[in-house]
Amino acid sequence: MSKNWYQNFLKSLVQESQDYERGGTQKDEYSPEEVVTVPCPLCRSEERRIIYTEHGVVGITRCLSCSLIYTSPRVRSPEKDFWGNIDKYYAEARLIFEGKAHHCREPNFIEELELIGSHKPRGRLLDIGCNMGMFLYLARKRGWEVVGMEPSPSLSQLATERFGLKVYNCFIDGVPRSEYGFFDVITISDVLEHDCDPLPFLKKVNQLLADDGIIYIKVPNAKWNLFKQKVLGFMGRRPKQGIWASCDHVVHYTHATLDRILEKSGFHIIKVTIAKPMQPPVWHEYVGHYYQYPSPWFLDWKRHIGRLAFYWLSWLEYLLRLGSIGDLAPNIVVLSEKK
């Protein structure tokens, strides 16, 4: 059975065949006029070495002074990649809003809530970068008093209108001072890598957190990206969309650099772990606006099996390294408290 026949057979099962339209404004290629060179976000050094290039001119850079990996040259105003058309975003998530489908990341959201709940079972929770509010929706169902912060006007509007959530449409500086010190939990899941200036950002988070509160952070593991880069390079392969998601991921953390930034921001790490990998659906290759809904594993079985295999191998590596995140972990998860 040829691969082409299999793909054509799958397409024949689907009556809806429009092209997938994502809500964001990310592009496959950028011109030199669309990027800007920046210093290291941690130590401000200008000394750096480019270790990879994506999207034509976007550079993955290692700081020669502090070893932080960051994006430079990077896209100008990368946060606005998520300021897309509200109608397109709604089309992506319509079945979720109507209660007819689950979000593809719902298992990941539940895993996050269970970990947080093992340290703080209830309280007031702020989700920074809450997107359309699907994590907050699940947290509210579990008894949390929830608040969101989302800079994207379209995404925050959907979270407010479709889920009835309280969401501040602003950057972190815009959260009212009346909220300072009143959150038992602050979640920053798959968000910190998007922030161009993480030190001031995390210092604001510190002010928003209650004295006995905790923060939950999940970021992609830069060492995993380096590992993939080396393996794919050895195989002579270069994915069209890149490895580093550098159109909007602007800082790339290892266990060591994340620990250093949290320390400088007034936090102490109380737990380090690894979350299960996200399994992005592939419906959009066949049926258009199905990118956010889980698809059957057999549509993308090699990636599913590969991600799970490396996830379990990363736990073995974690044990051998005595609790340090190594090359095989897809992400880094930390729970932290104020020093």
Protein backbone atom coordinates (compact mmCIF):
# COMPACT_ATOMS: atom_id res chain seq x y z
CA MET A 1 0.00 0.00 0.00
CA SER A 2 1.65 3.24 -1.08
CA LYS A 3 1.78 6.32 1.11
CA ASN A 4 0.05 8.40 -1.60
CA TRP A 5 -2.85 5.94 -1.80
CA TYR A 6 -3.24 6.04 1.99
CA GLN A 7 -3.31 9.85 2.05
CA ASN A 8 -5.83 9.99 -0.80
CA PHE A 9 -8.00 7.43 0.97
CA LEU A 10 -8.02 9.55 4.15
CA LYS A 11 -8.97 12.65 2.20
CA SER A 12 -11.80 10.79 0.52
CA LEU A 13 -13.32 10.13 3.95
CA VAL A 14 -13.72 13.84 4.57
CA GLN A 15 -16.39 15.92 2.85
CA GLU A 16 -15.04 19.23 4.10
CA SER A 17 -11.84 20.10 2.22
CA GLN A 18 -11.03 23.80 2.62
CA ASP A 19 -7.47 24.84 3.37
CA TYR A 20 -6.55 25.30 7.01
CA GLU A 21 -6.46 28.94 8.10
CA ARG A 22 -4.72 29.58 11.39
CA GLY A 23 -5.77 32.54 13.46
CA GLY A 24 -2.27 33.87 14.14
CA THR A 25 -0.06 35.94 11.86
CA GLN A 26 3.07 33.73 11.89
CA LYS A 27 4.80 33.28 8.54
CA ASP A 28 7.07 30.64 7.06
CA GLU A 29 9.61 33.20 5.80
CA TYR A 30 10.63 36.70 6.91
CA SER A 31 12.64 39.41 5.16
CA PRO A 32 15.65 41.26 6.68
CA GLU A 33 13.42 44.31 7.20
CA GLU A 34 11.09 42.28 9.46
CA VAL A 35 13.73 41.29 12.03
CA VAL A 36 15.86 43.10 14.59
CA THR A 37 19.12 42.19 16.35
CA VAL A 38 18.91 42.34 20.16
CA PRO A 39 21.33 41.79 23.08
CA CYS A 40 21.11 38.92 25.55
CA PRO A 41 17.90 39.24 27.61
CA LEU A 42 19.67 37.98 30.75
CA CYS A 43 23.07 39.72 30.87
CA ARG A 44 22.67 42.29 28.03
CA SER A 45 25.89 41.17 26.38
CA GLU A 46 26.26 41.79 22.65
CA GLU A 47 28.69 38.88 22.31
CA ARG A 48 26.91 35.94 20.70
CA ARG A 49 27.17 33.09 18.23
CA ILE A 50 24.40 32.04 15.85
CA ILE A 51 23.82 28.30 16.08
CA TYR A 52 20.84 27.94 13.74
CA THR A 53 18.74 29.94 11.28
CA GLU A 54 15.02 29.56 10.61
CA HIS A 55 12.34 31.29 8.56
CA GLY A 56 14.98 32.69 6.24
CA VAL A 57 16.65 35.26 8.50
CA VAL A 58 15.62 34.46 12.10
CA GLY A 59 18.65 33.45 14.18
CA ILE A 60 19.01 31.14 17.18
CA THR A 61 21.86 32.60 19.20
CA ARG A 62 23.95 31.53 22.19
CA CYS A 63 25.22 34.31 24.46
CA LEU A 64 29.00 34.00 24.84
CA SER A 65 28.89 35.60 28.29
CA CYS A 66 26.13 33.71 30.15
CA SER A 67 25.26 30.84 27.70
CA LEU A 68 21.58 31.80 27.43
CA ILE A 69 20.09 30.73 24.11
CA TYR A 70 17.81 33.35 22.57
CA THR A 71 16.47 34.50 19.22
CA SER A 72 18.45 37.22 17.44
CA PRO A 73 17.84 38.50 14.86
CA ARG A 74 14.20 38.07 15.90
CA VAL A 75 10.88 39.10 14.44
CA ARG A 76 9.81 42.61 15.37
CA SER A 77 6.92 42.59 17.89
CA PRO A 78 6.71 38.77 18.07
CA GLU A 79 3.90 38.97 20.64
CA LYS A 80 1.61 40.31 17.92
CA ASP A 81 1.77 36.97 16.11
CA PHE A 82 -1.21 36.09 18.30
CA TRP A 83 -3.17 39.25 17.51
CA GLY A 84 -4.91 37.55 14.63
CA ASN A 85 -8.42 37.71 13.25
CA ILE A 86 -11.06 36.82 15.84
CA ASP A 87 -13.27 35.10 13.27
CA LYS A 88 -10.44 32.78 12.22
CA TYR A 89 -9.63 31.99 15.84
CA TYR A 90 -13.30 31.22 16.47
CA ALA A 91 -13.40 28.98 13.40
CA GLU A 92 -10.43 27.02 14.77
CA ALA A 93 -12.13 26.45 18.13
CA ARG A 94 -15.84 26.50 17.29
CA LEU A 95 -16.54 22.88 18.26
CA ILE A 96 -14.78 23.38 21.60
CA PHE A 97 -16.84 26.47 22.42
CA GLU A 98 -19.99 24.56 21.47
CA GLY A 99 -19.06 21.65 23.74
CA LYS A 100 -18.82 19.20 20.83
CA ALA A 101 -15.07 18.53 21.01
CA HIS A 102 -12.16 18.62 23.44
CA HIS A 103 -9.10 20.80 23.03
CA CYS A 104 -6.05 18.81 21.89
CA ARG A 105 -4.17 20.07 24.97
CA GLU A 106 -6.87 19.16 27.50
CA PRO A 107 -4.86 16.16 28.84
CA ASN A 108 -1.89 18.51 29.34
CA PHE A 109 -4.06 21.10 31.10
CA ILE A 110 -5.43 18.44 33.46
CA GLU A 111 -1.90 17.21 34.22
CA GLU A 112 -0.89 20.79 35.09
CA LEU A 113 -3.91 21.29 37.36
CA GLU A 114 -3.23 18.02 39.19
CA LEU A 115 0.39 18.98 39.84
CA ILE A 116 -0.61 22.45 41.05
CA GLY A 117 -3.38 20.96 43.19
CA SER A 118 -0.91 18.67 44.95
CA HIS A 119 0.76 21.82 46.36
CA LYS A 120 -2.17 24.29 46.44
CA PRO A 121 -5.55 22.53 46.30
CA ARG A 122 -7.68 25.67 45.97
CA GLY A 123 -7.43 29.43 45.85
CA ARG A 124 -7.15 32.35 43.46
CA LEU A 125 -5.37 31.53 40.21
CA LEU A 126 -3.98 33.87 37.54
CA ASP A 127 -3.15 32.36 34.15
CA ILE A 128 -0.73 34.60 32.26
CA GLY A 129 -1.09 34.30 28.50
CA CYS A 130 -4.43 32.55 28.91
CA ASN A 131 -5.14 32.47 25.16
CA MET A 132 -8.84 31.60 24.61
CA GLY A 133 -9.25 30.61 28.26
CA MET A 134 -9.49 26.85 27.93
CA PHE A 135 -7.11 26.12 30.82
CA LEU A 136 -8.99 28.59 33.03
CA TYR A 137 -12.29 27.01 32.05
CA LEU A 138 -11.06 23.64 33.34
CA ALA A 139 -9.56 25.22 36.48
CA ARG A 140 -12.87 26.93 37.30
CA LYS A 141 -14.67 23.59 36.98
CA ARG A 142 -12.29 22.25 39.64
CA GLY A 143 -13.19 25.01 42.09
CA TRP A 144 -10.51 27.61 41.47
CA GLU A 145 -11.33 31.34 41.45
CA VAL A 146 -9.78 32.20 38.09
CA VAL A 147 -8.47 35.32 36.39
CA GLY A 148 -6.69 35.57 33.05
CA MET A 149 -4.22 37.95 31.45
CA GLU A 150 -3.96 37.95 27.67
CA PRO A 151 -2.38 40.70 25.52
CA SER A 152 -4.11 39.57 22.31
CA PRO A 153 -7.36 41.54 21.88
CA SER A 154 -8.99 38.77 19.84
CA LEU A 155 -8.02 35.89 22.14
CA SER A 156 -8.98 37.74 25.33
CA GLN A 157 -12.34 38.66 23.79
CA LEU A 158 -13.05 35.01 22.99
CA ALA A 159 -12.12 33.95 26.54
CA THR A 160 -14.44 36.60 27.98
CA GLU A 161 -17.39 36.13 25.64
CA ARG A 162 -17.32 32.35 25.11
CA PHE A 163 -16.34 31.16 28.59
CA GLY A 164 -17.48 34.11 30.71
CA LEU A 165 -14.02 34.55 32.22
CA LYS A 166 -12.48 37.61 33.85
CA VAL A 167 -9.53 38.42 31.61
CA TYR A 168 -7.26 41.47 31.62
CA ASN A 169 -6.46 42.38 28.02
CA CYS A 170 -2.99 43.78 28.66
CA PHE A 171 0.66 43.02 29.21
CA ILE A 172 1.76 42.31 32.75
CA ASP A 173 2.39 46.00 33.51
CA GLY A 174 -1.31 46.64 32.86
CA VAL A 175 -2.64 44.32 35.59
CA PRO A 176 -4.21 46.65 38.23
CA ARG A 177 -2.16 47.29 41.37
CA SER A 178 -5.19 46.21 43.39
CA GLU A 179 -4.35 42.64 42.30
CA TYR A 180 -0.79 42.74 43.68
CA GLY A 181 -0.18 40.07 46.28
CA PHE A 182 -3.60 38.43 45.91
CA PHE A 183 -2.92 35.34 43.79
CA ASP A 184 -2.29 31.96 45.42
CA VAL A 185 -1.13 30.46 42.11
CA ILE A 186 0.19 32.07 38.94
CA THR A 187 0.55 29.84 35.88
CA ILE A 188 2.94 30.68 33.05
CA SER A 189 2.59 27.65 30.80
CA ASP A 190 4.24 27.78 27.36
CA VAL A 191 4.39 31.57 27.72
CA LEU A 192 7.79 32.61 29.14
CA GLU A 193 9.57 31.64 25.93
CA HIS A 194 7.46 34.31 24.16
CA ASP A 195 8.53 37.16 26.48
CA CYS A 196 11.34 39.34 25.14
CA ASP A 197 12.41 40.62 28.57
CA PRO A 198 11.90 37.83 31.13
CA LEU A 199 13.62 39.45 34.14
CA PRO A 200 11.25 42.45 34.51
CA PHE A 201 8.36 40.15 33.62
CA LEU A 202 9.14 37.70 36.43
CA LYS A 203 9.71 40.51 38.93
CA LYS A 204 6.16 41.70 38.20
CA VAL A 205 4.93 38.13 38.68
CA ASN A 206 6.64 38.19 42.09
CA GLN A 207 4.65 41.30 43.03
CA LEU A 208 1.34 39.75 41.94
CA LEU A 209 1.92 36.54 43.93
CA ALA A 210 0.77 36.17 47.53
CA ASP A 211 3.58 35.68 50.08
CA ASP A 212 2.77 31.97 50.42
CA GLY A 213 1.82 31.51 46.76
CA ILE A 214 3.47 29.42 44.06
CA ILE A 215 4.12 29.86 40.37
CA TYR A 216 3.90 27.13 37.75
CA ILE A 217 6.16 27.52 34.71
CA LYS A 218 6.46 25.26 31.70
CA VAL A 219 8.85 26.04 28.86
CA PRO A 220 10.28 24.07 25.94
CA ASN A 221 13.66 22.54 26.75
CA ALA A 222 16.41 24.18 24.68
CA LYS A 223 18.63 21.11 25.09
CA TRP A 224 15.94 18.99 23.42
CA ASN A 225 15.91 21.41 20.48
CA LEU A 226 19.70 21.21 20.25
CA PHE A 227 19.47 17.42 20.28
CA LYS A 228 16.89 17.42 17.48
CA GLN A 229 18.98 19.90 15.52
CA LYS A 230 22.04 17.64 15.70
CA VAL A 231 20.14 14.45 14.84
CA LEU A 232 18.28 16.01 11.90
CA GLY A 233 21.50 17.59 10.69
CA PHE A 234 23.19 14.19 10.75
CA MET A 235 20.26 12.82 8.73
CA GLY A 236 20.43 15.71 6.26
CA ARG A 237 16.92 16.91 7.09
CA ARG A 238 15.70 20.45 7.76
CA PRO A 239 11.98 20.85 8.64
CA LYS A 240 10.15 23.60 6.77
CA GLN A 241 8.71 25.04 9.98
CA GLY A 242 12.00 24.81 11.82
CA ILE A 243 12.90 23.28 15.17
CA TRP A 244 12.88 26.28 17.50
CA ALA A 245 9.50 27.90 16.64
CA SER A 246 11.55 31.08 16.48
CA CYS A 247 8.92 33.26 14.82
CA ASP A 248 7.51 33.80 18.33
CA HIS A 249 9.78 31.86 20.75
CA VAL A 250 12.37 34.48 21.67
CA VAL A 251 14.15 32.94 24.69
CA HIS A 252 15.11 29.27 24.89
CA TYR A 253 15.68 27.87 28.38
CA THR A 254 17.76 25.08 29.80
CA HIS A 255 17.36 23.91 33.39
CA ALA A 256 20.39 25.99 34.38
CA THR A 257 19.37 29.24 32.67
CA LEU A 258 15.77 29.01 33.90
CA ASP A 259 17.03 28.48 37.45
CA ARG A 260 19.33 31.52 37.08
CA ILE A 261 16.58 33.82 35.81
CA LEU A 262 14.17 32.75 38.56
CA GLU A 263 16.86 33.31 41.18
CA LYS A 264 17.51 36.83 39.89
CA SER A 265 13.75 37.50 39.92
CA GLY A 266 13.32 36.63 43.60
CA PHE A 267 12.12 33.02 43.32
CA HIS A 268 13.26 29.71 44.73
CA ILE A 269 12.50 26.49 42.84
CA ILE A 270 10.70 23.89 44.95
CA LYS A 271 10.12 21.24 42.28
CA VAL A 272 11.46 20.42 38.82
CA THR A 273 9.74 17.87 36.61
CA ILE A 274 8.84 16.96 33.02
CA ALA A 275 5.35 17.24 31.53
CA LYS A 276 3.96 14.81 29.01
CA PRO A 277 4.52 16.01 25.44
CA MET A 278 1.77 17.78 23.54
CA GLN A 279 0.46 15.77 20.60
CA PRO A 280 -0.53 18.39 17.99
CA PRO A 281 -3.38 17.10 15.81
CA VAL A 282 -3.04 16.76 12.07
CA TRP A 283 -6.68 17.19 11.03
CA HIS A 284 -5.79 20.44 9.27
CA GLU A 285 -3.89 18.46 6.63
CA TYR A 286 -7.17 16.82 5.64
CA VAL A 287 -10.20 18.80 6.83
CA GLY A 288 -9.31 22.44 7.26
CA HIS A 289 -10.29 24.03 10.59
CA TYR A 290 -9.56 21.07 12.86
CA TYR A 291 -6.16 22.10 14.15
CA GLN A 292 -7.16 22.36 17.82
CA TYR A 293 -9.09 19.09 18.13
CA PRO A 294 -7.43 15.75 18.97
CA SER A 295 -7.03 13.55 15.91
CA PRO A 296 -6.76 9.74 15.89
CA TRP A 297 -3.24 8.64 16.76
CA PHE A 298 -2.90 6.57 13.59
CA LEU A 299 -3.01 9.72 11.43
CA ASP A 300 0.38 10.65 12.89
CA TRP A 301 1.47 7.44 14.60
CA LYS A 302 5.22 7.81 14.10
CA ARG A 303 5.32 11.20 15.83
CA HIS A 304 3.01 10.02 18.63
CA ILE A 305 5.16 6.98 19.38
CA GLY A 306 8.40 8.92 19.01
CA ARG A 307 7.34 11.67 21.41
CA LEU A 308 6.16 9.20 24.04
CA ALA A 309 9.35 7.14 23.70
CA PHE A 310 11.61 10.14 24.22
CA TYR A 311 9.40 11.35 27.09
CA TRP A 312 9.98 8.09 29.00
CA LEU A 313 13.67 8.10 28.08
CA SER A 314 13.89 11.64 29.46
CA TRP A 315 12.70 10.36 32.84
CA LEU A 316 15.48 7.76 32.87
CA GLU A 317 17.95 10.51 31.97
CA TYR A 318 16.45 12.71 34.72
CA LEU A 319 17.07 9.98 37.32
CA LEU A 320 20.61 9.32 36.08
CA ARG A 321 21.37 13.05 36.26
CA LEU A 322 20.01 13.22 39.83
CA GLY A 323 17.10 15.53 39.08
CA SER A 324 18.62 17.67 36.34
CA ILE A 325 16.81 18.09 33.01
CA GLY A 326 18.95 16.80 30.17
CA ASP A 327 18.82 16.50 26.39
CA LEU A 328 15.80 14.24 25.92
CA ALA A 329 13.09 16.06 27.89
CA PRO A 330 10.60 17.90 25.65
CA ASN A 331 10.01 20.57 28.29
CA ILE A 332 10.97 21.87 31.72
CA VAL A 333 8.36 22.31 34.45
CA VAL A 334 9.11 24.17 37.68
CA LEU A 335 7.12 25.10 40.73
CA SER A 336 8.61 28.07 42.54
CA GLU A 337 7.92 30.22 45.58
CA LYS A 338 9.16 33.59 46.78
CA LYS A 339 12.57 33.62 48.45
